[in-house]
Amino acid sequence: MTPPVVPLLPAEMIRERINALAREIAPRLQADVVVVTLMTGAFVFGADLVRALCEQGCAMTLDFMVLSSYGAGTESSGLVTTRLDVSENLTGRQVLLIDDILDSGATLLKASRHLQAKGARELLTCVLLDKPARRRVPFQADFVGFEIPNLFVVGFGIDFNQMYRELPFVGHLRAS
């Protein structure tokens, strides 16, 4: 039996914030920007943000990385592994790194260092959700959709054991 999901951020609120983020980010982007979305959790947010940036007149190259730190639980293992690397040449280019949630900071710190080591000239980061109460390593995203309390969230691409990604809103799991 799956635990019930309690809505936290409705779909319309997320849509409005993504459009606002695109207006904030667009002036900072250059012509040769590579947008790297961390999969799989950020795929919905990344797609919506890329379309919103396009509406702001931004042109970009898209790429993806797959990193993992969770497995089947609700707690990060703390060990971040790279399962799929970017394929674009990043040397001398601006990179916008998109993730679903900034939690402990370990995943974004690892991804950021990796992209810089691959030659990114400038790295900007954007997350849909920021959960500062769980931060274990010093990391601050350049652009944040929403700051949220210390809840295990699902929906809008974010899963629990591969469930709930399809929800059009962000919610949290009610303890059973």
N, C-alpha and C. Protein backbone atom coordinates (compact mmCIF):
# COMPACT_ATOMS: atom_id res chain seq x y z
N MET A 1 0.84 -1.19 0.00
CA MET A 1 0.00 0.00 0.00
C MET A 1 0.88 1.25 0.00
N THR A 2 0.55 2.22 -0.83
CA THR A 2 1.35 3.44 -0.91
C THR A 2 0.79 4.48 0.05
N PRO A 3 1.69 5.25 0.67
CA PRO A 3 1.22 6.29 1.60
C PRO A 3 0.55 7.44 0.85
N PRO A 4 -0.42 8.09 1.48
CA PRO A 4 -1.09 9.22 0.81
C PRO A 4 -0.16 10.42 0.66
N VAL A 5 -0.42 11.19 -0.40
CA VAL A 5 0.37 12.39 -0.69
C VAL A 5 -0.43 13.62 -0.28
N VAL A 6 0.18 14.46 0.52
CA VAL A 6 -0.45 15.71 0.96
C VAL A 6 0.09 16.84 0.08
N PRO A 7 -0.77 17.53 -0.68
CA PRO A 7 -0.30 18.61 -1.56
C PRO A 7 0.43 19.71 -0.78
N LEU A 8 1.52 20.18 -1.36
CA LEU A 8 2.32 21.25 -0.77
C LEU A 8 2.38 22.46 -1.71
N LEU A 9 2.69 22.21 -2.98
CA LEU A 9 2.77 23.27 -4.00
C LEU A 9 1.87 22.89 -5.17
N PRO A 10 0.76 23.61 -5.37
CA PRO A 10 -0.14 23.27 -6.48
C PRO A 10 0.50 23.54 -7.85
N ALA A 11 -0.02 22.85 -8.85
CA ALA A 11 0.51 22.94 -10.22
C ALA A 11 0.56 24.38 -10.73
N GLU A 12 -0.48 25.15 -10.50
CA GLU A 12 -0.52 26.53 -11.00
C GLU A 12 0.56 27.39 -10.35
N MET A 13 0.79 27.21 -9.07
CA MET A 13 1.84 27.95 -8.37
C MET A 13 3.22 27.61 -8.94
N ILE A 14 3.44 26.33 -9.22
CA ILE A 14 4.71 25.90 -9.81
C ILE A 14 4.89 26.53 -11.19
N ARG A 15 3.83 26.47 -12.00
CA ARG A 15 3.89 27.05 -13.36
C ARG A 15 4.24 28.54 -13.31
N GLU A 16 3.59 29.28 -12.42
CA GLU A 16 3.87 30.71 -12.29
C GLU A 16 5.31 30.96 -11.86
N ARG A 17 5.80 30.16 -10.93
CA ARG A 17 7.17 30.36 -10.44
C ARG A 17 8.19 30.01 -11.51
N ILE A 18 7.92 28.98 -12.32
CA ILE A 18 8.85 28.64 -13.40
C ILE A 18 8.94 29.78 -14.40
N ASN A 19 7.82 30.39 -14.73
CA ASN A 19 7.85 31.54 -15.64
C ASN A 19 8.63 32.70 -15.04
N ALA A 20 8.47 32.93 -13.74
CA ALA A 20 9.23 33.99 -13.07
C ALA A 20 10.72 33.67 -13.05
N LEU A 21 11.06 32.40 -12.80
CA LEU A 21 12.47 32.00 -12.83
C LEU A 21 13.07 32.25 -14.21
N ALA A 22 12.33 31.93 -15.26
CA ALA A 22 12.83 32.15 -16.62
C ALA A 22 13.11 33.64 -16.86
N ARG A 23 12.25 34.49 -16.34
CA ARG A 23 12.49 35.94 -16.48
C ARG A 23 13.72 36.38 -15.70
N GLU A 24 13.99 35.73 -14.55
CA GLU A 24 15.19 36.05 -13.76
C GLU A 24 16.46 35.53 -14.43
N ILE A 25 16.39 34.33 -14.98
CA ILE A 25 17.56 33.66 -15.53
C ILE A 25 17.95 34.20 -16.91
N ALA A 26 16.97 34.47 -17.76
CA ALA A 26 17.22 34.84 -19.16
C ALA A 26 18.26 35.95 -19.34
N PRO A 27 18.20 37.03 -18.57
CA PRO A 27 19.20 38.09 -18.77
C PRO A 27 20.64 37.64 -18.45
N ARG A 28 20.79 36.58 -17.70
CA ARG A 28 22.13 36.10 -17.32
C ARG A 28 22.72 35.11 -18.33
N LEU A 29 21.88 34.60 -19.23
CA LEU A 29 22.35 33.57 -20.16
C LEU A 29 23.00 34.19 -21.39
N GLN A 30 24.02 33.50 -21.87
CA GLN A 30 24.74 33.93 -23.06
C GLN A 30 24.36 33.03 -24.23
N ALA A 31 24.81 33.40 -25.42
CA ALA A 31 24.40 32.70 -26.65
C ALA A 31 24.83 31.24 -26.68
N ASP A 32 25.92 30.90 -26.04
CA ASP A 32 26.46 29.54 -26.14
C ASP A 32 26.21 28.73 -24.87
N VAL A 33 25.07 28.92 -24.24
CA VAL A 33 24.79 28.25 -22.97
C VAL A 33 24.42 26.78 -23.20
N VAL A 34 24.92 25.94 -22.31
CA VAL A 34 24.54 24.52 -22.29
C VAL A 34 23.70 24.32 -21.03
N VAL A 35 22.48 23.85 -21.21
CA VAL A 35 21.61 23.57 -20.08
C VAL A 35 21.74 22.08 -19.77
N VAL A 36 22.19 21.77 -18.54
CA VAL A 36 22.37 20.39 -18.11
C VAL A 36 21.32 20.11 -17.04
N THR A 37 20.44 19.16 -17.33
CA THR A 37 19.41 18.76 -16.37
C THR A 37 19.82 17.46 -15.72
N LEU A 38 19.73 17.42 -14.39
CA LEU A 38 20.02 16.19 -13.66
C LEU A 38 18.78 15.30 -13.70
N MET A 39 18.99 14.11 -14.17
CA MET A 39 17.90 13.16 -14.32
C MET A 39 17.89 12.21 -13.14
N THR A 40 16.85 11.65 -12.75
CA THR A 40 15.59 11.66 -13.44
C THR A 40 14.63 12.64 -12.78
N GLY A 41 14.89 12.99 -11.55
CA GLY A 41 13.96 13.82 -10.79
C GLY A 41 13.66 15.17 -11.38
N ALA A 42 14.61 15.77 -12.08
CA ALA A 42 14.42 17.13 -12.59
C ALA A 42 13.88 17.18 -14.02
N PHE A 43 13.47 16.03 -14.58
CA PHE A 43 13.07 16.05 -15.98
C PHE A 43 11.84 16.90 -16.24
N VAL A 44 10.86 16.90 -15.36
CA VAL A 44 9.65 17.70 -15.57
C VAL A 44 9.98 19.19 -15.41
N PHE A 45 10.65 19.52 -14.32
CA PHE A 45 11.04 20.91 -14.06
C PHE A 45 11.95 21.41 -15.18
N GLY A 46 12.94 20.61 -15.56
CA GLY A 46 13.87 21.01 -16.63
C GLY A 46 13.16 21.30 -17.93
N ALA A 47 12.23 20.43 -18.32
CA ALA A 47 11.50 20.63 -19.57
C ALA A 47 10.67 21.91 -19.52
N ASP A 48 9.96 22.12 -18.42
CA ASP A 48 9.15 23.33 -18.30
C ASP A 48 10.01 24.59 -18.27
N LEU A 49 11.14 24.54 -17.56
CA LEU A 49 12.01 25.71 -17.48
C LEU A 49 12.64 26.02 -18.84
N VAL A 50 13.06 25.00 -19.57
CA VAL A 50 13.65 25.21 -20.90
C VAL A 50 12.63 25.86 -21.83
N ARG A 51 11.40 25.39 -21.80
CA ARG A 51 10.36 26.01 -22.64
C ARG A 51 10.10 27.46 -22.23
N ALA A 52 10.09 27.72 -20.93
CA ALA A 52 9.88 29.09 -20.45
C ALA A 52 11.06 29.98 -20.85
N LEU A 53 12.28 29.46 -20.82
CA LEU A 53 13.45 30.23 -21.27
C LEU A 53 13.38 30.50 -22.76
N CYS A 54 12.90 29.54 -23.52
CA CYS A 54 12.71 29.73 -24.96
C CYS A 54 11.73 30.87 -25.22
N GLU A 55 10.67 30.93 -24.45
CA GLU A 55 9.69 32.02 -24.58
C GLU A 55 10.31 33.37 -24.25
N GLN A 56 11.39 33.36 -23.47
CA GLN A 56 12.11 34.60 -23.15
C GLN A 56 13.16 34.92 -24.20
N GLY A 57 13.23 34.13 -25.27
CA GLY A 57 14.16 34.39 -26.36
C GLY A 57 15.51 33.73 -26.22
N CYS A 58 15.67 32.82 -25.29
CA CYS A 58 16.96 32.15 -25.07
C CYS A 58 17.11 30.96 -26.01
N ALA A 59 18.30 30.84 -26.57
CA ALA A 59 18.66 29.67 -27.35
C ALA A 59 19.68 28.89 -26.53
N MET A 60 19.64 27.57 -26.62
CA MET A 60 20.52 26.77 -25.76
C MET A 60 20.77 25.41 -26.38
N THR A 61 21.80 24.77 -25.87
CA THR A 61 22.07 23.37 -26.16
C THR A 61 21.67 22.60 -24.90
N LEU A 62 21.03 21.45 -25.08
CA LEU A 62 20.56 20.67 -23.95
C LEU A 62 21.42 19.42 -23.75
N ASP A 63 21.66 19.09 -22.50
CA ASP A 63 22.38 17.87 -22.16
C ASP A 63 21.86 17.38 -20.82
N PHE A 64 22.28 16.18 -20.44
CA PHE A 64 21.76 15.55 -19.24
C PHE A 64 22.85 14.79 -18.50
N MET A 65 22.66 14.68 -17.20
CA MET A 65 23.49 13.84 -16.35
C MET A 65 22.56 13.02 -15.48
N VAL A 66 23.00 11.82 -15.14
CA VAL A 66 22.26 11.00 -14.19
C VAL A 66 23.18 10.75 -13.00
N LEU A 67 22.78 11.28 -11.85
CA LEU A 67 23.49 11.05 -10.60
C LEU A 67 22.52 10.37 -9.64
N SER A 68 23.06 9.64 -8.69
CA SER A 68 22.18 8.93 -7.76
C SER A 68 22.75 8.98 -6.36
N SER A 69 21.85 9.19 -5.38
CA SER A 69 22.27 9.14 -3.97
C SER A 69 21.20 8.55 -3.08
N TYR A 70 20.04 8.20 -3.63
CA TYR A 70 18.93 7.76 -2.79
C TYR A 70 18.67 6.27 -2.76
N GLY A 71 18.63 5.59 -3.87
CA GLY A 71 18.21 4.20 -3.85
C GLY A 71 16.71 4.12 -3.58
N ALA A 72 16.28 3.20 -2.73
CA ALA A 72 14.85 2.98 -2.51
C ALA A 72 14.33 3.62 -1.23
N GLY A 73 15.15 4.35 -0.50
CA GLY A 73 14.71 4.91 0.78
C GLY A 73 14.32 6.37 0.69
N THR A 74 14.06 6.95 1.85
CA THR A 74 13.71 8.37 1.92
C THR A 74 14.88 9.19 2.45
N GLU A 75 16.00 8.56 2.72
CA GLU A 75 17.20 9.25 3.19
C GLU A 75 18.32 9.08 2.17
N SER A 76 19.03 10.17 1.88
CA SER A 76 20.17 10.09 0.98
C SER A 76 21.25 9.21 1.59
N SER A 77 21.88 8.43 0.75
CA SER A 77 22.98 7.58 1.23
C SER A 77 24.22 8.41 1.54
N GLY A 78 24.27 9.63 0.98
CA GLY A 78 25.46 10.47 1.14
C GLY A 78 26.52 10.18 0.10
N LEU A 79 26.41 9.06 -0.59
CA LEU A 79 27.34 8.68 -1.64
C LEU A 79 26.70 8.99 -2.98
N VAL A 80 27.28 9.94 -3.72
CA VAL A 80 26.74 10.34 -5.01
C VAL A 80 27.52 9.65 -6.11
N THR A 81 26.80 8.92 -6.95
CA THR A 81 27.45 8.21 -8.05
C THR A 81 26.96 8.78 -9.38
N THR A 82 27.87 8.83 -10.36
CA THR A 82 27.52 9.28 -11.70
C THR A 82 27.16 8.06 -12.52
N ARG A 83 25.93 8.04 -13.03
CA ARG A 83 25.48 6.92 -13.85
C ARG A 83 25.50 7.27 -15.33
N LEU A 84 25.41 8.57 -15.67
CA LEU A 84 25.49 9.03 -17.06
C LEU A 84 26.08 10.44 -17.06
N ASP A 85 27.10 10.63 -17.86
CA ASP A 85 27.79 11.93 -17.93
C ASP A 85 27.27 12.74 -19.11
N VAL A 86 27.55 14.04 -19.10
CA VAL A 86 27.20 14.91 -20.22
C VAL A 86 27.99 14.48 -21.46
N SER A 87 27.42 14.77 -22.61
CA SER A 87 28.12 14.44 -23.86
C SER A 87 28.65 15.68 -24.56
N GLU A 88 28.14 16.86 -24.23
CA GLU A 88 28.60 18.11 -24.85
C GLU A 88 30.00 18.48 -24.36
N ASN A 89 30.76 19.13 -25.24
CA ASN A 89 32.03 19.72 -24.85
C ASN A 89 31.72 21.02 -24.12
N LEU A 90 32.12 21.13 -22.87
CA LEU A 90 31.80 22.31 -22.05
C LEU A 90 32.93 23.32 -21.99
N THR A 91 34.05 23.04 -22.60
CA THR A 91 35.22 23.91 -22.52
C THR A 91 34.89 25.33 -22.95
N GLY A 92 35.07 26.27 -22.03
CA GLY A 92 34.87 27.68 -22.31
C GLY A 92 33.43 28.12 -22.43
N ARG A 93 32.49 27.25 -22.08
CA ARG A 93 31.08 27.57 -22.26
C ARG A 93 30.38 27.84 -20.93
N GLN A 94 29.30 28.60 -21.02
CA GLN A 94 28.44 28.83 -19.86
C GLN A 94 27.51 27.64 -19.70
N VAL A 95 27.30 27.21 -18.45
CA VAL A 95 26.44 26.06 -18.17
C VAL A 95 25.39 26.47 -17.14
N LEU A 96 24.15 26.11 -17.43
CA LEU A 96 23.06 26.24 -16.46
C LEU A 96 22.73 24.82 -16.02
N LEU A 97 22.96 24.53 -14.75
CA LEU A 97 22.70 23.22 -14.17
C LEU A 97 21.35 23.26 -13.47
N ILE A 98 20.44 22.35 -13.86
CA ILE A 98 19.09 22.30 -13.32
C ILE A 98 18.92 21.02 -12.49
N ASP A 99 18.38 21.18 -11.28
CA ASP A 99 18.06 20.01 -10.46
C ASP A 99 16.69 20.21 -9.82
N ASP A 100 16.12 19.12 -9.35
CA ASP A 100 14.80 19.20 -8.75
C ASP A 100 14.85 19.77 -7.34
N ILE A 101 15.81 19.29 -6.52
CA ILE A 101 15.81 19.69 -5.11
C ILE A 101 17.23 19.81 -4.59
N LEU A 102 17.47 20.87 -3.86
CA LEU A 102 18.74 21.06 -3.14
C LEU A 102 18.47 20.65 -1.70
N ASP A 103 19.01 19.50 -1.33
CA ASP A 103 18.75 18.89 -0.04
C ASP A 103 20.05 18.94 0.77
N SER A 104 20.79 17.87 0.82
CA SER A 104 22.06 17.87 1.58
C SER A 104 23.10 18.76 0.92
N GLY A 105 22.98 18.93 -0.40
CA GLY A 105 23.95 19.71 -1.16
C GLY A 105 25.00 18.84 -1.84
N ALA A 106 25.08 17.59 -1.45
CA ALA A 106 26.13 16.70 -1.98
C ALA A 106 26.01 16.49 -3.49
N THR A 107 24.81 16.26 -3.98
CA THR A 107 24.64 15.99 -5.42
C THR A 107 25.00 17.22 -6.24
N LEU A 108 24.48 18.37 -5.87
CA LEU A 108 24.77 19.58 -6.65
C LEU A 108 26.24 19.98 -6.53
N LEU A 109 26.85 19.78 -5.38
CA LEU A 109 28.26 20.09 -5.24
C LEU A 109 29.08 19.19 -6.15
N LYS A 110 28.78 17.89 -6.16
CA LYS A 110 29.52 16.97 -7.02
C LYS A 110 29.31 17.32 -8.49
N ALA A 111 28.07 17.56 -8.90
CA ALA A 111 27.78 17.89 -10.29
C ALA A 111 28.47 19.19 -10.70
N SER A 112 28.43 20.19 -9.84
CA SER A 112 29.05 21.48 -10.15
C SER A 112 30.55 21.35 -10.33
N ARG A 113 31.20 20.66 -9.42
CA ARG A 113 32.64 20.46 -9.53
C ARG A 113 33.00 19.68 -10.78
N HIS A 114 32.18 18.69 -11.10
CA HIS A 114 32.43 17.87 -12.28
C HIS A 114 32.32 18.71 -13.56
N LEU A 115 31.29 19.54 -13.66
CA LEU A 115 31.10 20.36 -14.85
C LEU A 115 32.19 21.42 -14.97
N GLN A 116 32.63 21.97 -13.85
CA GLN A 116 33.74 22.91 -13.88
C GLN A 116 35.03 22.22 -14.31
N ALA A 117 35.24 21.00 -13.85
CA ALA A 117 36.43 20.23 -14.25
C ALA A 117 36.39 19.90 -15.74
N LYS A 118 35.21 19.85 -16.32
CA LYS A 118 35.07 19.60 -17.75
C LYS A 118 35.24 20.88 -18.57
N GLY A 119 35.58 21.98 -17.89
CA GLY A 119 35.93 23.21 -18.60
C GLY A 119 34.88 24.29 -18.67
N ALA A 120 33.77 24.14 -17.95
CA ALA A 120 32.75 25.19 -17.98
C ALA A 120 33.36 26.52 -17.55
N ARG A 121 33.13 27.55 -18.35
CA ARG A 121 33.67 28.88 -18.06
C ARG A 121 32.88 29.55 -16.93
N GLU A 122 31.57 29.36 -16.96
CA GLU A 122 30.70 29.91 -15.91
C GLU A 122 29.61 28.87 -15.63
N LEU A 123 29.31 28.68 -14.36
CA LEU A 123 28.29 27.72 -13.98
C LEU A 123 27.22 28.42 -13.15
N LEU A 124 25.98 28.32 -13.60
CA LEU A 124 24.83 28.81 -12.86
C LEU A 124 24.00 27.61 -12.46
N THR A 125 23.38 27.65 -11.29
CA THR A 125 22.56 26.53 -10.84
C THR A 125 21.14 27.00 -10.54
N CYS A 126 20.19 26.13 -10.87
CA CYS A 126 18.78 26.42 -10.62
C CYS A 126 18.11 25.17 -10.08
N VAL A 127 17.38 25.32 -8.99
CA VAL A 127 16.63 24.20 -8.40
C VAL A 127 15.18 24.61 -8.23
N LEU A 128 14.30 23.64 -8.38
CA LEU A 128 12.89 23.91 -8.12
C LEU A 128 12.67 24.09 -6.62
N LEU A 129 13.28 23.21 -5.82
CA LEU A 129 13.05 23.21 -4.38
C LEU A 129 14.36 23.31 -3.62
N ASP A 130 14.35 24.07 -2.54
CA ASP A 130 15.50 24.18 -1.64
C ASP A 130 15.03 23.81 -0.24
N LYS A 131 15.73 22.83 0.35
CA LYS A 131 15.39 22.37 1.69
C LYS A 131 16.61 22.63 2.59
N PRO A 132 16.80 23.89 3.04
CA PRO A 132 18.02 24.25 3.77
C PRO A 132 18.21 23.51 5.10
N ALA A 133 17.13 23.03 5.71
CA ALA A 133 17.25 22.34 7.00
C ALA A 133 18.07 21.05 6.88
N ARG A 134 18.23 20.52 5.67
CA ARG A 134 18.94 19.25 5.47
C ARG A 134 20.37 19.43 4.94
N ARG A 135 20.81 20.68 4.77
CA ARG A 135 22.11 20.92 4.17
C ARG A 135 23.23 20.36 5.00
N ARG A 136 24.10 19.55 4.36
CA ARG A 136 25.28 18.98 5.02
C ARG A 136 26.57 19.54 4.46
N VAL A 137 26.52 20.06 3.25
CA VAL A 137 27.70 20.68 2.64
C VAL A 137 27.30 22.08 2.20
N PRO A 138 28.24 23.00 2.26
CA PRO A 138 27.89 24.38 1.89
C PRO A 138 27.63 24.50 0.39
N PHE A 139 26.39 24.77 0.03
CA PHE A 139 26.03 24.97 -1.37
C PHE A 139 24.79 25.85 -1.41
N GLN A 140 24.83 26.85 -2.29
CA GLN A 140 23.68 27.72 -2.49
C GLN A 140 23.42 27.82 -3.98
N ALA A 141 22.20 27.52 -4.40
CA ALA A 141 21.83 27.62 -5.81
C ALA A 141 21.70 29.10 -6.20
N ASP A 142 22.00 29.38 -7.45
CA ASP A 142 21.86 30.76 -7.95
C ASP A 142 20.39 31.16 -8.10
N PHE A 143 19.56 30.19 -8.46
CA PHE A 143 18.13 30.45 -8.66
C PHE A 143 17.34 29.35 -7.97
N VAL A 144 16.34 29.75 -7.17
CA VAL A 144 15.54 28.79 -6.39
C VAL A 144 14.07 29.06 -6.65
N GLY A 145 13.35 27.97 -6.95
CA GLY A 145 11.91 28.10 -7.13
C GLY A 145 11.20 28.33 -5.81
N PHE A 146 11.35 27.38 -4.89
CA PHE A 146 10.66 27.45 -3.60
C PHE A 146 11.57 26.92 -2.50
N GLU A 147 11.55 27.57 -1.35
CA GLU A 147 12.17 27.01 -0.15
C GLU A 147 11.08 26.23 0.57
N ILE A 148 11.42 24.99 0.96
CA ILE A 148 10.42 24.14 1.59
C ILE A 148 10.92 23.63 2.94
N PRO A 149 9.99 23.22 3.80
CA PRO A 149 10.39 22.65 5.10
C PRO A 149 10.97 21.24 4.91
N ASN A 150 11.45 20.68 5.99
CA ASN A 150 12.08 19.37 5.97
C ASN A 150 11.04 18.25 5.87
N LEU A 151 10.50 18.09 4.67
CA LEU A 151 9.52 17.04 4.37
C LEU A 151 10.05 16.22 3.21
N PHE A 152 9.69 14.95 3.14
CA PHE A 152 10.04 14.13 1.99
C PHE A 152 8.99 14.37 0.92
N VAL A 153 9.39 15.04 -0.16
CA VAL A 153 8.45 15.47 -1.19
C VAL A 153 8.48 14.56 -2.41
N VAL A 154 7.34 14.56 -3.11
CA VAL A 154 7.18 13.79 -4.34
C VAL A 154 6.35 14.61 -5.32
N GLY A 155 6.32 14.15 -6.56
CA GLY A 155 5.52 14.81 -7.58
C GLY A 155 6.36 15.73 -8.43
N PHE A 156 5.81 16.11 -9.56
CA PHE A 156 6.46 17.00 -10.51
C PHE A 156 7.85 16.47 -10.89
N GLY A 157 7.93 15.15 -11.06
CA GLY A 157 9.18 14.49 -11.45
C GLY A 157 9.91 13.81 -10.31
N ILE A 158 9.61 14.20 -9.08
CA ILE A 158 10.31 13.67 -7.91
C ILE A 158 9.58 12.41 -7.44
N ASP A 159 10.36 11.37 -7.11
CA ASP A 159 9.73 10.10 -6.80
C ASP A 159 10.03 9.62 -5.38
N PHE A 160 9.29 8.61 -5.01
CA PHE A 160 9.59 7.74 -3.88
C PHE A 160 9.52 6.33 -4.42
N ASN A 161 10.67 5.67 -4.50
CA ASN A 161 10.74 4.30 -5.00
C ASN A 161 10.07 4.18 -6.37
N GLN A 162 10.35 5.15 -7.25
CA GLN A 162 9.86 5.22 -8.64
C GLN A 162 8.35 5.51 -8.75
N MET A 163 7.71 5.93 -7.67
CA MET A 163 6.30 6.28 -7.72
C MET A 163 6.13 7.79 -7.55
N TYR A 164 5.02 8.32 -8.04
CA TYR A 164 4.57 9.70 -7.85
C TYR A 164 5.20 10.72 -8.80
N ARG A 165 6.14 10.35 -9.67
CA ARG A 165 6.75 11.33 -10.58
C ARG A 165 5.71 12.05 -11.43
N GLU A 166 4.62 11.36 -11.77
CA GLU A 166 3.63 11.88 -12.70
C GLU A 166 2.70 12.94 -12.10
N LEU A 167 2.73 13.13 -10.80
CA LEU A 167 1.84 14.11 -10.17
C LEU A 167 2.14 15.51 -10.69
N PRO A 168 1.11 16.31 -11.00
CA PRO A 168 1.33 17.66 -11.54
C PRO A 168 1.62 18.71 -10.48
N PHE A 169 1.75 18.28 -9.22
CA PHE A 169 2.02 19.17 -8.10
C PHE A 169 3.13 18.55 -7.26
N VAL A 170 3.62 19.30 -6.28
CA VAL A 170 4.59 18.76 -5.31
C VAL A 170 3.82 18.55 -4.01
N GLY A 171 3.99 17.37 -3.44
CA GLY A 171 3.36 17.06 -2.18
C GLY A 171 4.34 16.32 -1.29
N HIS A 172 3.92 16.02 -0.09
CA HIS A 172 4.77 15.25 0.81
C HIS A 172 4.02 14.00 1.25
N LEU A 173 4.79 13.00 1.60
CA LEU A 173 4.20 11.73 2.03
C LEU A 173 3.73 11.85 3.47
N ARG A 174 2.50 11.51 3.71
CA ARG A 174 1.95 11.50 5.07
C ARG A 174 2.48 10.24 5.76
N ALA A 175 3.00 10.41 6.94
CA ALA A 175 3.50 9.25 7.71
C ALA A 175 2.35 8.32 8.01
N SER A 176 2.61 7.00 7.84
CA SER A 176 1.53 6.06 8.11
C SER A 176 1.50 5.62 9.54
